């Protein structure tokens, strides 16, 4: 414990000295550095912050040093996250599909050659990844994928399409589920491959969302080439890799609200800013009850995560718990956005134009974006099914 406290002080002092003040302000998604060949730093402070964190290995702090990380243990990595959150430090490199999802899967399933080829480039922000899972006919029923990879000896030729491939138009590579055996049962005959997006035969079409963004895309493959050395795991055994990666994705989705990204004010702060109070309490009893319930539920979520962390450290954590966290955190984030707009009244309608400050416009846009979160990464209904069947072991 004493060593942890020493480490915490060292981390706090380093962050205080090295994180530029501009990098301690709440950020919109476009204010973050995502890396990749198409990535641009939003400002010079973002570049400086990235370079300093990269030099410490803290863009991927719990990865081994030989793969671009800092080799921190679970306790040290948690302390770093806590201190960054306490000081409001933005992520130096956005926790996208490469850093938060493919990276951990590569560490578990990748060959040594695959780890050394791909992990350092992710940690250094040189390559940006996207995820090729869902298809127009295979969303919740993911094992129904039809995107076909034809075996050509030392490589595959891939034909088909993927949809909801977040940021595919900005990505350099895609990790993708493809069907390599059409005769096998649908959960079999699937392989997990890594594909270069810059090659001929790969095209991307952005999809506009309710928030005004176009993060989601549809990706098309027309005889796109994948070398056999870029298959993760065994041929026709990719479903196991895919399920494991989904656990990392659900962890990422559940942690989005904890990052220094998005609106700066909590519901309680919004209430104090916009509504009349008496003796420190909201005059509106209904809103007061909603606010109190939200604060209690957010506290319960924090305690549940702490319990899961301790179970993970002891090796007793049920891996299906990630479905619970993904469900509860994203539903809670939606409730938070709904509550804040209710507390703001007409100022919560601000999307653009005069009469609304930047914080109000950010709240409105975050409200629209929050609608995505209970669908992306597996819908709330799917997560509840997983919890019912695999955690609670309820009958069909």
Protein backbone atom coordinates (compact mmCIF):
# COMPACT_ATOMS: atom_id res chain seq x y z
CA UNK A 1 0.00 0.00 0.00
CA UNK A 2 2.86 2.38 0.80
CA UNK A 3 4.37 1.73 -2.63
CA UNK A 4 1.01 2.53 -4.23
CA UNK A 5 0.76 5.83 -2.38
CA UNK A 6 4.30 6.71 -3.43
CA UNK A 7 3.40 5.88 -7.03
CA UNK A 8 0.21 7.97 -6.75
CA UNK A 9 2.17 11.01 -5.56
CA UNK A 10 4.70 10.58 -8.36
CA UNK A 11 1.93 10.31 -10.96
CA UNK A 12 0.07 13.32 -9.58
CA UNK A 13 3.22 15.45 -9.54
CA UNK A 14 4.16 14.44 -13.07
CA UNK A 15 0.68 15.16 -14.41
CA UNK A 16 0.59 18.54 -12.68
CA UNK A 17 3.92 19.49 -14.23
CA UNK A 18 3.40 18.05 -17.71
CA UNK A 19 -0.28 18.23 -18.64
CA UNK A 20 -0.89 21.61 -20.35
CA UNK A 21 -3.84 23.58 -18.88
CA UNK A 22 -5.65 23.40 -22.23
CA UNK A 23 -5.58 19.60 -21.95
CA UNK A 24 -7.46 19.74 -18.64
CA UNK A 25 -10.63 21.18 -20.16
CA UNK A 26 -13.60 18.94 -21.08
CA UNK A 27 -13.23 17.85 -24.68
CA UNK A 28 -15.57 17.20 -27.53
CA UNK A 29 -14.72 14.08 -29.55
CA UNK A 30 -13.19 16.28 -32.26
CA UNK A 31 -10.82 17.79 -29.67
CA UNK A 32 -9.06 14.44 -29.16
CA UNK A 33 -6.12 13.04 -31.06
CA UNK A 34 -6.99 9.69 -32.66
CA UNK A 35 -3.71 8.94 -34.40
CA UNK A 36 -3.37 7.22 -37.74
CA UNK A 37 -2.09 8.43 -41.08
CA UNK A 38 -5.08 10.79 -41.39
CA UNK A 39 -5.00 12.00 -37.79
CA UNK A 40 -4.23 15.62 -36.95
CA UNK A 41 -3.53 17.22 -33.61
CA UNK A 42 -6.30 19.70 -32.76
CA UNK A 43 -3.70 22.10 -31.31
CA UNK A 44 -0.03 22.29 -30.34
CA UNK A 45 -0.83 21.56 -26.69
CA UNK A 46 -2.41 18.28 -27.81
CA UNK A 47 0.78 17.41 -29.67
CA UNK A 48 2.93 18.27 -26.65
CA UNK A 49 0.72 16.27 -24.30
CA UNK A 50 0.80 13.24 -26.60
CA UNK A 51 4.58 13.35 -26.95
CA UNK A 52 5.07 13.57 -23.20
CA UNK A 53 2.69 10.72 -22.45
CA UNK A 54 4.18 8.61 -25.25
CA UNK A 55 7.67 9.07 -23.80
CA UNK A 56 6.42 7.56 -20.53
CA UNK A 57 4.66 4.70 -22.29
CA UNK A 58 1.39 5.99 -20.88
CA UNK A 59 -0.60 5.96 -24.10
CA UNK A 60 -0.88 2.20 -23.40
CA UNK A 61 0.25 2.09 -19.77
CA UNK A 62 -0.56 -1.54 -18.98
CA UNK A 63 1.01 -2.99 -22.14
CA UNK A 64 4.50 -4.53 -21.87
CA UNK A 65 7.34 -2.14 -22.64
CA UNK A 66 8.51 -4.21 -25.61
CA UNK A 67 5.16 -3.51 -27.30
CA UNK A 68 5.10 0.24 -26.67
CA UNK A 69 3.56 0.36 -23.20
CA UNK A 70 4.86 1.13 -19.72
CA UNK A 71 4.38 -2.28 -18.14
CA UNK A 72 2.20 -0.97 -15.30
CA UNK A 73 0.35 -3.50 -13.19
CA UNK A 74 -3.42 -3.29 -12.66
CA UNK A 75 -3.15 -1.21 -9.50
CA UNK A 76 -0.71 1.26 -11.07
CA UNK A 77 -2.81 1.57 -14.22
CA UNK A 78 -5.90 2.25 -12.12
CA UNK A 79 -4.06 4.92 -10.13
CA UNK A 80 -2.98 6.64 -13.34
CA UNK A 81 -6.60 6.69 -14.57
CA UNK A 82 -7.82 8.00 -11.22
CA UNK A 83 -5.28 10.82 -11.10
CA UNK A 84 -5.97 11.81 -14.71
CA UNK A 85 -9.68 11.91 -13.91
CA UNK A 86 -9.11 13.92 -10.71
CA UNK A 87 -7.07 16.53 -12.57
CA UNK A 88 -9.36 16.49 -15.63
CA UNK A 89 -6.57 15.38 -17.97
CA UNK A 90 -7.73 14.44 -21.44
CA UNK A 91 -6.55 11.16 -22.97
CA UNK A 92 -3.39 11.89 -24.94
CA UNK A 93 -4.49 9.29 -27.50
CA UNK A 94 -8.20 8.53 -27.80
CA UNK A 95 -9.13 5.05 -26.57
CA UNK A 96 -10.38 3.79 -29.91
CA UNK A 97 -10.76 0.35 -31.43
CA UNK A 98 -7.03 -0.24 -31.70
CA UNK A 99 -5.98 0.84 -28.23
CA UNK A 100 -8.92 -0.45 -26.19
CA UNK A 101 -10.13 -3.44 -28.19
CA UNK A 102 -7.72 -4.95 -30.72
CA UNK A 103 -4.65 -4.32 -28.56
CA UNK A 104 -5.81 -6.48 -25.64
CA UNK A 105 -6.95 -9.20 -28.07
CA UNK A 106 -3.53 -9.18 -29.76
CA UNK A 107 -1.83 -9.51 -26.39
CA UNK A 108 -3.92 -12.60 -25.67
CA UNK A 109 -4.17 -14.30 -29.07
CA UNK A 110 -1.50 -12.78 -31.28
CA UNK A 111 1.74 -14.40 -32.38
CA UNK A 112 4.94 -12.71 -31.35
CA UNK A 113 5.35 -11.41 -34.90
CA UNK A 114 1.81 -9.96 -34.87
CA UNK A 115 2.36 -8.28 -31.50
CA UNK A 116 5.64 -6.67 -32.55
CA UNK A 117 4.25 -5.57 -35.90
CA UNK A 118 1.00 -4.00 -34.72
CA UNK A 119 1.06 -3.09 -31.02
CA UNK A 120 3.86 -0.47 -31.02
CA UNK A 121 2.22 1.29 -33.99
CA UNK A 122 -1.05 1.50 -32.05
CA UNK A 123 0.66 2.83 -28.92
CA UNK A 124 2.56 5.42 -30.98
CA UNK A 125 -0.60 6.54 -32.76
CA UNK A 126 0.81 5.60 -36.15
CA UNK A 127 -2.07 3.33 -37.21
CA UNK A 128 -5.78 3.82 -36.54
CA UNK A 129 -8.07 0.79 -36.52
CA UNK A 130 -11.76 0.22 -37.11
CA UNK A 131 -13.98 -2.80 -36.43
CA UNK A 132 -15.63 -4.93 -39.11
CA UNK A 133 -18.23 -7.02 -37.30
CA UNK A 134 -21.84 -6.10 -38.13
CA UNK A 135 -23.38 -6.56 -41.57
CA UNK A 136 -26.75 -5.44 -42.98
CA UNK A 137 -28.08 -8.94 -42.22
CA UNK A 138 -25.99 -9.67 -39.14
CA UNK A 139 -26.29 -7.23 -36.28
CA UNK A 140 -27.50 -8.71 -33.01
CA UNK A 141 -27.25 -12.12 -34.70
CA UNK A 142 -23.58 -11.52 -35.38
CA UNK A 143 -22.76 -15.14 -36.17
CA UNK A 144 -24.93 -14.80 -39.29
CA UNK A 145 -22.17 -12.88 -41.11
CA UNK A 146 -21.89 -13.55 -44.84
CA UNK A 147 -18.77 -11.53 -45.74
CA UNK A 148 -16.73 -14.27 -47.44
CA UNK A 149 -13.00 -14.90 -47.44
CA UNK A 150 -11.84 -17.28 -50.18
CA UNK A 151 -8.72 -19.28 -49.32
CA UNK A 152 -5.98 -18.68 -51.90
CA UNK A 153 -3.15 -20.51 -50.18
CA UNK A 154 -0.99 -17.83 -48.56
CA UNK A 155 -3.81 -15.26 -48.54
CA UNK A 156 -7.58 -14.72 -48.59
CA UNK A 157 -9.70 -12.72 -51.03
CA UNK A 158 -12.54 -11.00 -49.18
CA UNK A 159 -15.88 -10.02 -50.70
CA UNK A 160 -18.90 -8.54 -48.95
CA UNK A 161 -19.82 -5.58 -46.78
CA UNK A 162 -19.69 -4.41 -43.16
CA UNK A 163 -21.91 -1.75 -41.61
CA UNK A 164 -21.63 0.54 -38.57
CA UNK A 165 -17.84 0.46 -38.98
CA UNK A 166 -17.10 3.43 -36.75
CA UNK A 167 -14.58 5.89 -38.23
CA UNK A 168 -13.75 3.56 -41.11
CA UNK A 169 -13.21 6.60 -43.34
CA UNK A 170 -10.36 7.69 -41.05
CA UNK A 171 -8.90 4.25 -40.34
CA UNK A 172 -5.75 2.66 -41.77
CA UNK A 173 -6.54 -0.97 -40.89
CA UNK A 174 -9.65 -2.96 -40.00
CA UNK A 175 -10.02 -6.08 -37.83
CA UNK A 176 -12.73 -8.10 -39.42
CA UNK A 177 -14.87 -11.23 -39.04
CA UNK A 178 -15.10 -13.19 -42.28
CA UNK A 179 -16.68 -16.50 -43.21
CA UNK A 180 -14.03 -18.98 -44.29
CA UNK A 181 -16.26 -22.10 -44.28
CA UNK A 182 -19.78 -21.68 -45.64
CA UNK A 183 -20.70 -25.30 -44.88
CA UNK A 184 -19.96 -25.16 -41.15
CA UNK A 185 -22.52 -24.21 -38.45
CA UNK A 186 -22.81 -20.43 -38.30
CA UNK A 187 -20.79 -20.01 -35.10
CA UNK A 188 -18.02 -22.00 -36.74
CA UNK A 189 -16.35 -21.36 -40.06
CA UNK A 190 -15.57 -17.77 -39.02
CA UNK A 191 -12.06 -16.33 -38.99
CA UNK A 192 -10.67 -13.14 -37.46
CA UNK A 193 -8.43 -11.21 -39.86
CA UNK A 194 -6.50 -7.95 -39.97
CA UNK A 195 -6.79 -6.00 -43.22
CA UNK A 196 -5.08 -2.96 -44.74
CA UNK A 197 -7.73 -0.36 -45.66
CA UNK A 198 -5.51 1.47 -48.15
CA UNK A 199 -5.51 -1.34 -50.73
CA UNK A 200 -7.62 -1.53 -53.85
CA UNK A 201 -10.89 -3.35 -53.29
CA UNK A 202 -11.81 -1.52 -50.07
CA UNK A 203 -14.24 1.42 -50.17
CA UNK A 204 -16.07 3.33 -47.43
CA UNK A 205 -19.36 5.26 -47.35
CA UNK A 206 -20.12 7.42 -44.24
CA UNK A 207 -23.61 7.33 -42.66
CA UNK A 208 -24.99 10.56 -41.21
CA UNK A 209 -26.32 10.29 -37.64
CA UNK A 210 -28.94 12.20 -35.65
CA UNK A 211 -26.15 14.08 -33.87
CA UNK A 212 -24.97 15.53 -37.18
CA UNK A 213 -21.82 13.40 -37.15
CA UNK A 214 -20.92 10.66 -39.59
CA UNK A 215 -18.83 8.40 -37.37
CA UNK A 216 -20.56 5.26 -38.64
CA UNK A 217 -19.76 3.97 -42.11
CA UNK A 218 -20.52 1.12 -44.46
CA UNK A 219 -17.43 -0.64 -45.79
CA UNK A 220 -17.31 -2.67 -49.00
CA UNK A 221 -14.81 -5.37 -50.00
CA UNK A 222 -14.26 -6.38 -53.62
CA UNK A 223 -11.51 -9.02 -53.80
CA UNK A 224 -9.64 -7.33 -50.95
CA UNK A 225 -6.48 -9.21 -49.99
CA UNK A 226 -5.61 -10.49 -46.50
CA UNK A 227 -2.32 -12.27 -45.92
CA UNK A 228 -2.60 -15.48 -43.88
CA UNK A 229 -0.04 -14.09 -41.43
CA UNK A 230 -2.64 -11.44 -40.55
CA UNK A 231 -5.18 -13.96 -39.26
CA UNK A 232 -5.59 -13.77 -35.48
CA UNK A 233 -6.04 -17.22 -34.00
CA UNK A 234 -6.81 -20.34 -36.01
CA UNK A 235 -8.69 -20.49 -39.29
CA UNK A 236 -12.42 -21.13 -38.71
CA UNK A 237 -11.94 -20.47 -34.96
CA UNK A 238 -12.40 -16.70 -35.02
CA UNK A 239 -15.65 -16.70 -33.04
CA UNK A 240 -13.78 -17.24 -29.78
CA UNK A 241 -11.47 -14.29 -30.51
CA UNK A 242 -14.47 -12.17 -31.49
CA UNK A 243 -16.33 -12.88 -28.23
CA UNK A 244 -13.27 -12.05 -26.17
CA UNK A 245 -12.79 -8.77 -28.02
CA UNK A 246 -16.44 -7.89 -27.39
CA UNK A 247 -15.72 -8.03 -23.67
CA UNK A 248 -13.03 -5.37 -24.16
CA UNK A 249 -15.46 -3.33 -26.26
CA UNK A 250 -18.12 -3.45 -23.56
CA UNK A 251 -15.57 -2.35 -20.99
CA UNK A 252 -14.68 0.61 -23.21
CA UNK A 253 -18.34 1.53 -23.67
CA UNK A 254 -18.94 1.41 -19.93
CA UNK A 255 -15.98 3.70 -19.27
CA UNK A 256 -16.77 6.41 -21.83
CA UNK A 257 -18.59 8.56 -19.29
CA UNK A 258 -15.52 8.53 -17.03
CA UNK A 259 -13.18 10.07 -19.60
CA UNK A 260 -12.55 13.80 -19.74
CA UNK A 261 -14.64 13.96 -22.90
CA UNK A 262 -17.96 15.69 -23.35
CA UNK A 263 -19.92 18.12 -21.19
CA UNK A 264 -18.16 19.56 -18.18
CA UNK A 265 -21.02 19.79 -15.69
CA UNK A 266 -22.68 17.06 -13.64
CA UNK A 267 -26.47 17.04 -13.20
CA UNK A 268 -26.06 18.54 -9.71
CA UNK A 269 -23.94 21.37 -11.09
CA UNK A 270 -26.45 21.93 -13.89
CA UNK A 271 -29.24 22.18 -11.30
CA UNK A 272 -27.37 24.81 -9.29
CA UNK A 273 -26.61 26.74 -12.46
CA UNK A 274 -30.10 26.87 -13.96
CA UNK A 275 -32.76 26.35 -11.30
CA UNK A 276 -33.94 28.24 -8.20
CA UNK A 277 -33.04 26.71 -4.85
CA UNK A 278 -33.96 27.21 -1.23
CA UNK A 279 -31.62 26.17 1.58
CA UNK A 280 -29.46 24.38 -0.97
CA UNK A 281 -32.34 22.27 -2.33
CA UNK A 282 -34.18 22.36 -5.64
CA UNK A 283 -37.65 23.85 -5.32
CA UNK A 284 -39.00 21.41 -7.93
CA UNK A 285 -39.64 18.23 -5.92
CA UNK A 286 -39.95 15.96 -8.97
CA UNK A 287 -36.62 17.05 -10.41
CA UNK A 288 -35.07 16.84 -6.95
CA UNK A 289 -36.17 13.21 -6.68
CA UNK A 290 -34.81 12.39 -10.16
CA UNK A 291 -31.50 14.05 -9.35
CA UNK A 292 -31.16 12.20 -6.05
CA UNK A 293 -31.97 8.86 -7.69
CA UNK A 294 -29.40 9.49 -10.43
CA UNK A 295 -26.68 10.38 -7.90
CA UNK A 296 -27.43 7.22 -5.92
CA UNK A 297 -27.36 5.02 -9.03
CA UNK A 298 -24.08 6.58 -10.19
CA UNK A 299 -22.59 5.85 -6.77
CA UNK A 300 -23.78 2.24 -6.95
CA UNK A 301 -22.15 1.93 -10.38
CA UNK A 302 -18.86 3.19 -8.98
CA UNK A 303 -18.98 0.71 -6.10
CA UNK A 304 -19.81 -2.15 -8.48
CA UNK A 305 -16.79 -1.27 -10.63
CA UNK A 306 -14.56 -1.20 -7.58
CA UNK A 307 -15.83 -4.65 -6.58
CA UNK A 308 -15.21 -5.95 -10.11
CA UNK A 309 -11.68 -4.51 -10.08
CA UNK A 310 -10.86 -6.35 -6.87
CA UNK A 311 -12.36 -9.58 -8.22
CA UNK A 312 -10.33 -9.17 -11.41
CA UNK A 313 -7.15 -8.72 -9.41
CA UNK A 314 -7.90 -11.95 -7.52
CA UNK A 315 -8.83 -13.83 -10.69
CA UNK A 316 -12.45 -14.45 -9.63
CA UNK A 317 -14.26 -12.02 -11.96
CA UNK A 318 -16.93 -13.53 -14.23
CA UNK A 319 -16.01 -12.30 -17.75
CA UNK A 320 -19.71 -11.90 -18.57
CA UNK A 321 -19.83 -9.08 -16.01
CA UNK A 322 -18.75 -6.77 -18.83
CA UNK A 323 -22.26 -7.12 -20.27
CA UNK A 324 -23.74 -5.79 -17.04
CA UNK A 325 -21.40 -2.80 -17.01
CA UNK A 326 -21.98 -2.03 -20.67
CA UNK A 327 -25.74 -2.13 -20.16
CA UNK A 328 -25.90 -0.17 -16.93
CA UNK A 329 -23.29 2.47 -17.80
CA UNK A 330 -24.78 3.35 -21.18
CA UNK A 331 -28.34 3.42 -19.84
CA UNK A 332 -27.12 5.61 -16.98
CA UNK A 333 -25.39 7.95 -19.43
CA UNK A 334 -28.66 8.34 -21.37
CA UNK A 335 -30.52 9.10 -18.16
CA UNK A 336 -27.86 11.65 -17.25
CA UNK A 337 -28.27 13.47 -20.56
CA UNK A 338 -32.06 13.40 -20.35
CA UNK A 339 -31.95 14.73 -16.79
CA UNK A 340 -29.54 17.54 -17.62
CA UNK A 341 -31.67 18.78 -20.49
CA UNK A 342 -34.73 18.69 -18.22
CA UNK A 343 -32.83 20.73 -15.62
CA UNK A 344 -31.70 23.25 -18.26
CA UNK A 345 -35.20 23.91 -19.55
CA UNK A 346 -35.28 25.81 -22.84
CA UNK A 347 -31.50 26.28 -22.72
CA UNK A 348 -31.25 22.54 -23.21
CA UNK A 349 -32.57 23.00 -26.76
CA UNK A 350 -29.40 24.77 -27.88
CA UNK A 351 -27.85 23.17 -30.95
CA UNK A 352 -26.29 26.17 -32.65
CA UNK A 353 -26.73 29.91 -33.08
CA UNK A 354 -26.93 32.85 -30.71
CA UNK A 355 -28.43 32.56 -27.25
CA UNK A 356 -26.63 29.31 -26.37
CA UNK A 357 -23.09 29.06 -25.02
CA UNK A 358 -20.64 26.31 -25.99
CA UNK A 359 -21.48 24.21 -22.93
CA UNK A 360 -25.19 24.26 -23.76
CA UNK A 361 -24.54 23.26 -27.36
CA UNK A 362 -22.28 20.44 -26.14
CA UNK A 363 -25.01 19.16 -23.80
CA UNK A 364 -27.55 19.02 -26.63
CA UNK A 365 -25.17 17.20 -28.94
CA UNK A 366 -24.11 14.77 -26.23
CA UNK A 367 -27.80 13.99 -25.63
CA UNK A 368 -28.16 13.03 -29.30
CA UNK A 369 -24.93 11.02 -29.23
CA UNK A 370 -25.99 9.15 -26.08
CA UNK A 371 -28.74 7.44 -28.10
CA UNK A 372 -26.05 5.52 -29.95
CA UNK A 373 -24.44 4.05 -26.87
CA UNK A 374 -27.20 1.61 -25.93
CA UNK A 375 -27.01 0.13 -29.43
CA UNK A 376 -23.30 0.24 -30.32
CA UNK A 377 -21.20 -2.58 -28.94
CA UNK A 378 -24.26 -4.80 -28.53
CA UNK A 379 -27.69 -3.40 -27.72
CA UNK A 380 -29.08 -3.17 -24.19
CA UNK A 381 -31.47 -6.01 -24.99
CA UNK A 382 -28.60 -8.27 -26.02
CA UNK A 383 -26.66 -7.43 -22.84
CA UNK A 384 -29.69 -8.28 -20.71
CA UNK A 385 -29.99 -11.63 -22.49
CA UNK A 386 -26.31 -12.36 -21.79
CA UNK A 387 -26.70 -11.48 -18.11
CA UNK A 388 -29.89 -13.56 -17.82
CA UNK A 389 -28.44 -16.67 -19.47
CA UNK A 390 -24.75 -16.65 -18.55
CA UNK A 391 -24.64 -14.81 -15.24
CA UNK A 392 -28.02 -15.52 -13.62
CA UNK A 393 -28.37 -18.82 -15.54
CA UNK A 394 -32.10 -18.29 -16.02
CA UNK A 395 -33.99 -20.81 -18.19
CA UNK A 396 -34.91 -19.92 -21.76
